[in-house]
Amino acid sequence: MTITGRCYCGAVKYKAEGAPLFKVQCHCRECQYISGGGPNYVMGLPEQGFAYEGTPEKFARADLDAPATREFCGRCGTHILTRSPRSPGVLILKVGTLDDPGIYGGPQVAIQLADKQSFHMVPPGIPTFERFPG
């Protein structure tokens, strides 16, 4: 499977080869900051087979022992993906950056519901977790 996407302004594009490893709706407070208040819709993809056209900026919080690194367009600010030390070799790609967001098809699970806001909606019938699954 070939997956393509870009930032809002088009300065940073990407291409990924491989099927998604997981599809998640995340309600953690960090995702709420990044998404503008809602849950974050992400897909896990293998790092191997992923390539950028253009160079993203990177940000990792200096006050955390093992922070995630967030990659985004330095021109328009679009958050493209996250690299987590909890999941080496896996890219956590933001669904909104996909050229065809329809390939996401919806989350398989909803996580971090301990931080969920009353106005967040979780699709019925999917597994939910207060924090990270097992």
Protein backbone atom coordinates (compact mmCIF):
# COMPACT_ATOMS: atom_id res chain seq x y z
CA MET A 1 0.00 0.00 0.00
CA THR A 2 1.29 3.47 -0.89
CA ILE A 3 0.20 6.34 1.36
CA THR A 4 0.86 9.97 0.46
CA GLY A 5 0.21 13.22 2.23
CA ARG A 6 1.35 16.74 2.95
CA CYS A 7 1.11 19.77 5.18
CA TYR A 8 -1.47 22.50 4.57
CA CYS A 9 0.84 24.70 2.46
CA GLY A 10 2.49 21.81 0.58
CA ALA A 11 6.08 22.62 1.62
CA VAL A 12 6.44 19.20 3.33
CA LYS A 13 5.15 16.10 1.58
CA TYR A 14 5.58 12.43 2.35
CA LYS A 15 5.21 8.98 0.87
CA ALA A 16 4.93 5.76 2.85
CA GLU A 17 4.97 2.15 1.74
CA GLY A 18 3.20 -0.41 3.87
CA ALA A 19 -0.09 -1.07 5.56
CA PRO A 20 -1.11 0.76 8.73
CA LEU A 21 -0.10 -1.06 11.92
CA PHE A 22 -2.95 0.50 13.92
CA LYS A 23 -5.64 3.20 13.70
CA VAL A 24 -6.35 5.12 16.89
CA GLN A 25 -8.45 7.94 18.30
CA CYS A 26 -6.42 9.49 21.15
CA HIS A 27 -7.96 11.69 23.85
CA CYS A 28 -4.81 12.49 25.87
CA ARG A 29 -4.32 16.08 26.96
CA GLU A 30 -1.24 16.43 24.74
CA CYS A 31 -3.28 15.44 21.66
CA GLN A 32 -5.95 17.94 22.67
CA TYR A 33 -3.34 20.71 22.60
CA ILE A 34 -2.07 19.61 19.19
CA SER A 35 -5.48 19.04 17.60
CA GLY A 36 -7.00 22.28 18.84
CA GLY A 37 -9.23 20.65 21.44
CA GLY A 38 -10.55 17.41 19.96
CA PRO A 39 -9.23 13.90 19.98
CA ASN A 40 -6.38 13.14 17.62
CA TYR A 41 -6.86 10.63 14.80
CA VAL A 42 -3.64 8.77 13.98
CA MET A 43 -2.29 5.75 12.13
CA GLY A 44 0.82 3.83 13.05
CA LEU A 45 3.08 3.16 10.09
CA PRO A 46 6.43 1.40 9.85
CA GLU A 47 9.31 3.88 9.70
CA GLN A 48 10.90 1.80 6.97
CA GLY A 49 9.42 2.84 3.64
CA PHE A 50 8.62 6.41 4.79
CA ALA A 51 10.24 9.40 3.07
CA TYR A 52 9.79 13.15 3.16
CA GLU A 53 9.94 15.61 0.30
CA GLY A 54 10.90 18.80 2.10
CA THR A 55 12.27 18.98 5.63
CA PRO A 56 10.04 19.16 8.68
CA GLU A 57 10.85 21.01 11.86
CA LYS A 58 11.07 18.93 15.04
CA PHE A 59 10.03 19.56 18.62
CA ALA A 60 10.54 17.52 21.79
CA ARG A 61 9.84 18.80 25.29
CA ALA A 62 13.07 19.32 27.23
CA ASP A 63 11.35 18.88 30.61
CA LEU A 64 10.43 15.21 30.06
CA ASP A 65 12.72 12.20 30.50
CA ALA A 66 11.63 10.42 27.31
CA PRO A 67 9.64 12.90 25.22
CA ALA A 68 7.96 12.19 21.92
CA THR A 69 9.35 14.11 18.95
CA ARG A 70 6.75 15.95 16.92
CA GLU A 71 7.46 16.75 13.27
CA PHE A 72 5.67 19.64 11.59
CA CYS A 73 5.89 22.10 8.73
CA GLY A 74 7.95 25.13 9.74
CA ARG A 75 6.04 27.31 7.29
CA CYS A 76 2.36 26.55 8.00
CA GLY A 77 2.68 24.65 11.31
CA THR A 78 0.84 21.49 10.26
CA HIS A 79 1.68 18.63 12.63
CA ILE A 80 2.55 15.66 10.41
CA LEU A 81 3.74 12.88 12.69
CA THR A 82 5.09 11.87 16.07
CA ARG A 83 7.99 9.57 16.92
CA SER A 84 7.56 8.03 20.35
CA PRO A 85 10.35 6.40 22.35
CA ARG A 86 7.66 3.89 23.44
CA SER A 87 7.38 2.62 19.85
CA PRO A 88 10.74 2.61 18.05
CA GLY A 89 10.44 2.08 14.29
CA VAL A 90 6.82 3.22 14.25
CA LEU A 91 5.62 6.59 12.97
CA ILE A 92 2.40 8.01 14.41
CA LEU A 93 0.94 9.79 11.38
CA LYS A 94 -1.78 12.43 11.66
CA VAL A 95 -4.79 11.42 9.55
CA GLY A 96 -5.58 15.00 8.54
CA THR A 97 -2.35 15.15 6.50
CA LEU A 98 -3.30 12.22 4.24
CA ASP A 99 -4.00 13.07 0.60
CA ASP A 100 -6.94 10.67 0.94
CA PRO A 101 -8.10 10.72 4.59
CA GLY A 102 -10.79 8.20 3.66
CA ILE A 103 -8.22 5.40 3.73
CA TYR A 104 -8.18 5.76 7.53
CA GLY A 105 -11.69 4.33 7.68
CA GLY A 106 -12.12 5.10 11.37
CA PRO A 107 -10.33 4.16 14.57
CA GLN A 108 -9.88 0.58 15.76
CA VAL A 109 -9.60 1.77 19.38
CA ALA A 110 -10.01 4.90 21.47
CA ILE A 111 -7.27 5.53 24.03
CA GLN A 112 -6.51 7.87 26.91
CA LEU A 113 -10.17 8.25 27.84
CA ALA A 114 -9.11 9.40 31.32
CA ASP A 115 -8.46 12.79 29.65
CA LYS A 116 -11.57 12.74 27.40
CA GLN A 117 -13.70 15.89 27.43
CA SER A 118 -17.50 15.73 27.68
CA PHE A 119 -17.86 16.96 24.09
CA HIS A 120 -15.58 14.28 22.59
CA MET A 121 -17.43 11.54 20.76
CA VAL A 122 -16.22 7.93 20.67
CA PRO A 123 -17.55 5.68 17.90
CA PRO A 124 -19.82 2.98 19.33
CA GLY A 125 -18.54 -0.57 19.40
CA ILE A 126 -14.78 0.03 19.43
CA PRO A 127 -12.56 -0.98 22.36
CA THR A 128 -11.74 1.86 24.74
CA PHE A 129 -8.88 2.29 27.21
CA GLU A 130 -8.45 4.74 30.09
CA ARG A 131 -4.75 4.99 29.16
CA PHE A 132 -2.64 2.90 26.77
CA PRO A 133 -3.79 -0.64 26.04
CA GLY A 134 -2.01 -3.52 27.82
